[in-house]
Amino acid sequence: MLNKNLFAVKMEELLVLFPNWNIEFDAKNMRVWYNQFSDLTDNEFKRMIDTYVKNEQYPPTVGSLRKYIVKEFDSSKDNPTLQQVEKWKREAAKVPESTKLEFREKMKELIKEKSNAQ
């Protein structure tokens, strides 16, 4: 959920950077605008505003700002392959360091043996 203080700071930034933006940010308007972006994370909102400012010359609308949303990727729910990798990492964390070290040494020996056999 979007931090309200961050929202206010970035909206003030828009007011400064787009001096012809004819909007009054009273409590009612702030609430209406905030509700349009409350689904974003802080990083998504910051990135959206910053990208808009760098690319647009006209004062923003909700729709024109939302075109610049880049959703943060959550590997735990969006990608089954990355979910599996995370599962493997958790399982690997349970393996004792001594076992990992022994495996690495045997792997090095095997690689050396196979590279000398050619």
N, C-alpha and C. Protein backbone atom coordinates (compact mmCIF):
# COMPACT_ATOMS: atom_id res chain seq x y z
N MET A 1 0.84 -1.18 0.00
CA MET A 1 0.00 0.00 0.00
C MET A 1 0.89 1.25 0.00
N LEU A 2 0.50 2.19 -0.78
CA LEU A 2 1.25 3.42 -0.97
C LEU A 2 1.27 4.28 0.29
N ASN A 3 2.46 4.70 0.66
CA ASN A 3 2.64 5.57 1.82
C ASN A 3 2.05 6.95 1.51
N LYS A 4 1.19 7.45 2.38
CA LYS A 4 0.50 8.72 2.13
C LYS A 4 1.45 9.91 2.13
N ASN A 5 2.46 9.88 2.96
CA ASN A 5 3.43 10.98 2.97
C ASN A 5 4.21 11.02 1.66
N LEU A 6 4.64 9.86 1.18
CA LEU A 6 5.34 9.79 -0.10
C LEU A 6 4.43 10.30 -1.22
N PHE A 7 3.18 9.89 -1.18
CA PHE A 7 2.21 10.34 -2.18
C PHE A 7 2.15 11.87 -2.19
N ALA A 8 2.02 12.48 -1.03
CA ALA A 8 1.91 13.94 -0.94
C ALA A 8 3.17 14.63 -1.47
N VAL A 9 4.33 14.10 -1.12
CA VAL A 9 5.60 14.69 -1.57
C VAL A 9 5.70 14.64 -3.10
N LYS A 10 5.39 13.50 -3.67
CA LYS A 10 5.52 13.35 -5.12
C LYS A 10 4.47 14.18 -5.87
N MET A 11 3.28 14.33 -5.29
CA MET A 11 2.27 15.15 -5.94
C MET A 11 2.68 16.64 -5.88
N GLU A 12 3.28 17.05 -4.78
CA GLU A 12 3.80 18.42 -4.69
C GLU A 12 4.89 18.63 -5.74
N GLU A 13 5.70 17.60 -5.95
CA GLU A 13 6.75 17.66 -6.97
C GLU A 13 6.12 17.90 -8.35
N LEU A 14 5.02 17.19 -8.63
CA LEU A 14 4.33 17.39 -9.91
C LEU A 14 3.82 18.82 -10.05
N LEU A 15 3.30 19.37 -8.96
CA LEU A 15 2.81 20.75 -8.99
C LEU A 15 3.93 21.74 -9.32
N VAL A 16 5.11 21.49 -8.81
CA VAL A 16 6.25 22.37 -9.08
C VAL A 16 6.74 22.21 -10.52
N LEU A 17 6.81 20.97 -10.96
CA LEU A 17 7.37 20.69 -12.28
C LEU A 17 6.41 20.97 -13.43
N PHE A 18 5.13 21.03 -13.13
CA PHE A 18 4.12 21.37 -14.13
C PHE A 18 3.34 22.58 -13.63
N PRO A 19 3.94 23.77 -13.73
CA PRO A 19 3.34 24.97 -13.14
C PRO A 19 1.98 25.35 -13.75
N ASN A 20 1.68 24.88 -14.94
CA ASN A 20 0.39 25.18 -15.56
C ASN A 20 -0.70 24.17 -15.19
N TRP A 21 -0.36 23.26 -14.32
CA TRP A 21 -1.34 22.24 -13.91
C TRP A 21 -2.38 22.93 -13.04
N ASN A 22 -3.56 23.02 -13.54
CA ASN A 22 -4.63 23.74 -12.86
C ASN A 22 -5.42 22.79 -11.96
N ILE A 23 -4.84 22.49 -10.82
CA ILE A 23 -5.50 21.59 -9.87
C ILE A 23 -5.24 22.10 -8.46
N GLU A 24 -6.24 21.97 -7.63
CA GLU A 24 -6.08 22.37 -6.23
C GLU A 24 -6.06 21.10 -5.38
N PHE A 25 -4.99 20.93 -4.64
CA PHE A 25 -4.88 19.73 -3.81
C PHE A 25 -5.37 20.00 -2.40
N ASP A 26 -6.67 20.11 -2.28
CA ASP A 26 -7.27 20.18 -0.95
C ASP A 26 -7.46 18.74 -0.45
N ALA A 27 -7.99 18.57 0.73
CA ALA A 27 -8.13 17.24 1.33
C ALA A 27 -8.97 16.32 0.45
N LYS A 28 -10.04 16.83 -0.11
CA LYS A 28 -10.92 16.01 -0.94
C LYS A 28 -10.20 15.52 -2.20
N ASN A 29 -9.55 16.44 -2.92
CA ASN A 29 -8.84 16.06 -4.14
C ASN A 29 -7.68 15.10 -3.84
N MET A 30 -6.97 15.36 -2.76
CA MET A 30 -5.86 14.46 -2.38
C MET A 30 -6.39 13.05 -2.14
N ARG A 31 -7.51 12.94 -1.45
CA ARG A 31 -8.10 11.63 -1.17
C ARG A 31 -8.51 10.93 -2.46
N VAL A 32 -9.14 11.67 -3.37
CA VAL A 32 -9.58 11.09 -4.65
C VAL A 32 -8.38 10.60 -5.45
N TRP A 33 -7.36 11.44 -5.55
CA TRP A 33 -6.16 11.06 -6.30
C TRP A 33 -5.43 9.90 -5.62
N TYR A 34 -5.31 9.97 -4.31
CA TYR A 34 -4.62 8.89 -3.59
C TYR A 34 -5.30 7.54 -3.87
N ASN A 35 -6.62 7.54 -3.85
CA ASN A 35 -7.36 6.28 -4.08
C ASN A 35 -7.07 5.69 -5.46
N GLN A 36 -6.69 6.51 -6.41
CA GLN A 36 -6.38 6.02 -7.75
C GLN A 36 -5.03 5.31 -7.82
N PHE A 37 -4.20 5.55 -6.81
CA PHE A 37 -2.85 4.98 -6.83
C PHE A 37 -2.53 4.14 -5.59
N SER A 38 -3.49 3.94 -4.72
CA SER A 38 -3.24 3.25 -3.46
C SER A 38 -2.85 1.78 -3.66
N ASP A 39 -3.11 1.24 -4.85
CA ASP A 39 -2.75 -0.15 -5.13
C ASP A 39 -1.26 -0.32 -5.42
N LEU A 40 -0.54 0.78 -5.59
CA LEU A 40 0.87 0.72 -5.93
C LEU A 40 1.75 0.65 -4.69
N THR A 41 2.92 0.07 -4.87
CA THR A 41 3.93 0.13 -3.81
C THR A 41 4.60 1.50 -3.88
N ASP A 42 5.35 1.84 -2.86
CA ASP A 42 6.08 3.11 -2.86
C ASP A 42 7.02 3.20 -4.07
N ASN A 43 7.75 2.13 -4.34
CA ASN A 43 8.70 2.14 -5.45
C ASN A 43 7.99 2.27 -6.79
N GLU A 44 6.88 1.58 -6.95
CA GLU A 44 6.13 1.69 -8.21
C GLU A 44 5.64 3.12 -8.42
N PHE A 45 5.14 3.74 -7.36
CA PHE A 45 4.63 5.10 -7.46
C PHE A 45 5.75 6.08 -7.79
N LYS A 46 6.88 5.97 -7.07
CA LYS A 46 8.01 6.86 -7.33
C LYS A 46 8.49 6.72 -8.77
N ARG A 47 8.64 5.47 -9.21
CA ARG A 47 9.12 5.23 -10.57
C ARG A 47 8.14 5.80 -11.59
N MET A 48 6.84 5.63 -11.35
CA MET A 48 5.82 6.14 -12.25
C MET A 48 5.94 7.66 -12.38
N ILE A 49 6.00 8.36 -11.25
CA ILE A 49 6.09 9.82 -11.26
C ILE A 49 7.38 10.27 -11.94
N ASP A 50 8.49 9.68 -11.56
CA ASP A 50 9.78 10.09 -12.12
C ASP A 50 9.83 9.87 -13.63
N THR A 51 9.30 8.76 -14.09
CA THR A 51 9.29 8.47 -15.52
C THR A 51 8.37 9.42 -16.27
N TYR A 52 7.22 9.72 -15.68
CA TYR A 52 6.30 10.67 -16.29
C TYR A 52 6.98 12.02 -16.47
N VAL A 53 7.61 12.50 -15.42
CA VAL A 53 8.26 13.82 -15.45
C VAL A 53 9.33 13.86 -16.54
N LYS A 54 10.06 12.79 -16.72
CA LYS A 54 11.14 12.76 -17.71
C LYS A 54 10.63 12.67 -19.15
N ASN A 55 9.40 12.21 -19.32
CA ASN A 55 8.92 11.93 -20.67
C ASN A 55 7.77 12.80 -21.16
N GLU A 56 7.11 13.50 -20.28
CA GLU A 56 5.91 14.24 -20.68
C GLU A 56 6.08 15.74 -20.52
N GLN A 57 5.36 16.47 -21.35
CA GLN A 57 5.42 17.93 -21.28
C GLN A 57 4.13 18.54 -20.77
N TYR A 58 3.07 17.74 -20.68
CA TYR A 58 1.78 18.26 -20.25
C TYR A 58 1.45 17.80 -18.83
N PRO A 59 0.66 18.58 -18.10
CA PRO A 59 0.26 18.19 -16.75
C PRO A 59 -0.43 16.82 -16.76
N PRO A 60 -0.25 16.08 -15.69
CA PRO A 60 -0.74 14.70 -15.67
C PRO A 60 -2.24 14.58 -15.41
N THR A 61 -2.75 13.46 -15.87
CA THR A 61 -4.07 12.97 -15.49
C THR A 61 -3.83 11.61 -14.85
N VAL A 62 -4.83 11.07 -14.21
CA VAL A 62 -4.67 9.73 -13.63
C VAL A 62 -4.27 8.75 -14.72
N GLY A 63 -4.98 8.79 -15.83
CA GLY A 63 -4.71 7.86 -16.93
C GLY A 63 -3.32 8.02 -17.52
N SER A 64 -2.89 9.28 -17.70
CA SER A 64 -1.57 9.49 -18.28
C SER A 64 -0.46 9.04 -17.34
N LEU A 65 -0.66 9.19 -16.04
CA LEU A 65 0.32 8.70 -15.07
C LEU A 65 0.35 7.17 -15.04
N ARG A 66 -0.82 6.56 -15.02
CA ARG A 66 -0.89 5.10 -14.88
C ARG A 66 -0.24 4.38 -16.06
N LYS A 67 -0.11 5.05 -17.19
CA LYS A 67 0.58 4.44 -18.34
C LYS A 67 2.05 4.16 -18.03
N TYR A 68 2.57 4.83 -17.01
CA TYR A 68 3.98 4.69 -16.66
C TYR A 68 4.21 3.74 -15.48
N ILE A 69 3.20 3.01 -15.09
CA ILE A 69 3.38 2.05 -13.99
C ILE A 69 4.16 0.85 -14.48
N VAL A 70 5.18 0.51 -13.73
CA VAL A 70 5.91 -0.73 -13.96
C VAL A 70 5.77 -1.53 -12.68
N LYS A 71 4.98 -2.59 -12.75
CA LYS A 71 4.71 -3.39 -11.55
C LYS A 71 5.98 -4.11 -11.12
N GLU A 72 6.17 -4.13 -9.81
CA GLU A 72 7.30 -4.87 -9.26
C GLU A 72 7.02 -6.35 -9.42
N PHE A 73 8.03 -7.08 -9.75
CA PHE A 73 7.90 -8.52 -9.99
C PHE A 73 8.02 -9.27 -8.67
N ASP A 74 7.03 -10.06 -8.37
CA ASP A 74 7.05 -10.88 -7.16
C ASP A 74 7.24 -12.33 -7.59
N SER A 75 8.47 -12.80 -7.52
CA SER A 75 8.79 -14.14 -8.02
C SER A 75 8.04 -15.22 -7.26
N SER A 76 7.67 -14.96 -6.04
CA SER A 76 7.01 -16.01 -5.25
C SER A 76 5.61 -16.31 -5.74
N LYS A 77 4.98 -15.38 -6.49
CA LYS A 77 3.63 -15.69 -6.94
C LYS A 77 3.48 -15.66 -8.45
N ASP A 78 4.41 -15.04 -9.16
CA ASP A 78 4.23 -14.82 -10.59
C ASP A 78 4.95 -15.83 -11.49
N ASN A 79 5.90 -16.56 -10.97
CA ASN A 79 6.71 -17.39 -11.84
C ASN A 79 6.99 -18.74 -11.18
N PRO A 80 6.37 -19.81 -11.70
CA PRO A 80 6.56 -21.14 -11.09
C PRO A 80 8.02 -21.60 -11.10
N THR A 81 8.77 -21.23 -12.12
CA THR A 81 10.18 -21.64 -12.18
C THR A 81 10.96 -21.00 -11.04
N LEU A 82 10.73 -19.70 -10.83
CA LEU A 82 11.43 -19.03 -9.73
C LEU A 82 10.94 -19.51 -8.37
N GLN A 83 9.69 -19.92 -8.29
CA GLN A 83 9.19 -20.52 -7.06
C GLN A 83 9.99 -21.78 -6.74
N GLN A 84 10.24 -22.58 -7.77
CA GLN A 84 11.00 -23.81 -7.57
C GLN A 84 12.43 -23.50 -7.15
N VAL A 85 13.04 -22.49 -7.74
CA VAL A 85 14.40 -22.10 -7.37
C VAL A 85 14.44 -21.68 -5.90
N GLU A 86 13.44 -20.91 -5.48
CA GLU A 86 13.38 -20.49 -4.07
C GLU A 86 13.25 -21.70 -3.15
N LYS A 87 12.47 -22.68 -3.57
CA LYS A 87 12.31 -23.91 -2.79
C LYS A 87 13.65 -24.63 -2.67
N TRP A 88 14.37 -24.73 -3.79
CA TRP A 88 15.69 -25.38 -3.76
C TRP A 88 16.65 -24.64 -2.84
N LYS A 89 16.60 -23.31 -2.87
CA LYS A 89 17.48 -22.53 -1.99
C LYS A 89 17.18 -22.82 -0.52
N ARG A 90 15.89 -22.92 -0.19
CA ARG A 90 15.53 -23.23 1.21
C ARG A 90 16.02 -24.62 1.59
N GLU A 91 15.89 -25.57 0.67
CA GLU A 91 16.36 -26.94 0.94
C GLU A 91 17.89 -26.97 1.07
N ALA A 92 18.58 -26.22 0.20
CA ALA A 92 20.04 -26.19 0.25
C ALA A 92 20.54 -25.57 1.55
N ALA A 93 19.79 -24.65 2.09
CA ALA A 93 20.19 -24.01 3.35
C ALA A 93 20.21 -25.01 4.51
N LYS A 94 19.48 -26.10 4.37
CA LYS A 94 19.43 -27.11 5.42
C LYS A 94 20.62 -28.06 5.38
N VAL A 95 21.35 -28.08 4.26
CA VAL A 95 22.48 -28.99 4.10
C VAL A 95 23.67 -28.44 4.89
N PRO A 96 24.32 -29.27 5.70
CA PRO A 96 25.46 -28.80 6.49
C PRO A 96 26.60 -28.31 5.59
N GLU A 97 27.33 -27.30 6.05
CA GLU A 97 28.44 -26.73 5.30
C GLU A 97 29.50 -27.79 4.99
N SER A 98 29.72 -28.70 5.91
CA SER A 98 30.73 -29.74 5.68
C SER A 98 30.36 -30.61 4.47
N THR A 99 29.10 -30.90 4.30
CA THR A 99 28.64 -31.69 3.16
C THR A 99 28.82 -30.90 1.87
N LYS A 100 28.53 -29.60 1.92
CA LYS A 100 28.71 -28.76 0.73
C LYS A 100 30.18 -28.68 0.33
N LEU A 101 31.05 -28.53 1.33
CA LEU A 101 32.49 -28.45 1.07
C LEU A 101 33.00 -29.75 0.46
N GLU A 102 32.57 -30.86 1.03
CA GLU A 102 32.97 -32.18 0.50
C GLU A 102 32.51 -32.33 -0.95
N PHE A 103 31.28 -31.91 -1.24
CA PHE A 103 30.75 -32.00 -2.60
C PHE A 103 31.59 -31.16 -3.56
N ARG A 104 31.93 -29.92 -3.15
CA ARG A 104 32.73 -29.05 -4.01
C ARG A 104 34.08 -29.66 -4.33
N GLU A 105 34.71 -30.22 -3.30
CA GLU A 105 36.03 -30.82 -3.51
C GLU A 105 35.96 -32.00 -4.48
N LYS A 106 34.94 -32.85 -4.31
CA LYS A 106 34.79 -33.99 -5.22
C LYS A 106 34.46 -33.52 -6.63
N MET A 107 33.69 -32.45 -6.74
CA MET A 107 33.36 -31.90 -8.06
C MET A 107 34.62 -31.37 -8.74
N LYS A 108 35.46 -30.66 -7.98
CA LYS A 108 36.71 -30.15 -8.54
C LYS A 108 37.59 -31.30 -9.03
N GLU A 109 37.69 -32.36 -8.23
CA GLU A 109 38.49 -33.52 -8.61
C GLU A 109 37.95 -34.14 -9.90
N LEU A 110 36.64 -34.28 -9.99
CA LEU A 110 36.02 -34.86 -11.17
C LEU A 110 36.26 -34.00 -12.41
N ILE A 111 36.13 -32.72 -12.28
CA ILE A 111 36.37 -31.81 -13.40
C ILE A 111 37.82 -31.90 -13.86
N LYS A 112 38.73 -31.91 -12.88
CA LYS A 112 40.16 -31.99 -13.20
C LYS A 112 40.46 -33.32 -13.90
N GLU A 113 39.90 -34.39 -13.38
CA GLU A 113 40.09 -35.72 -13.95
C GLU A 113 39.56 -35.79 -15.38
N LYS A 114 38.41 -35.24 -15.63
CA LYS A 114 37.79 -35.29 -16.96
C LYS A 114 38.53 -34.37 -17.93
N SER A 115 39.03 -33.23 -17.46
CA SER A 115 39.74 -32.32 -18.36
C SER A 115 41.12 -32.88 -18.73
N ASN A 116 41.74 -33.67 -17.84
CA ASN A 116 43.03 -34.30 -18.13
C ASN A 116 42.87 -35.51 -19.05
N ALA A 117 41.69 -36.09 -19.07
CA ALA A 117 41.45 -37.30 -19.88
C ALA A 117 41.32 -36.98 -21.35
N GLN A 118 41.11 -35.75 -21.71
CA GLN A 118 40.92 -35.40 -23.13
C GLN A 118 42.19 -35.34 -23.86
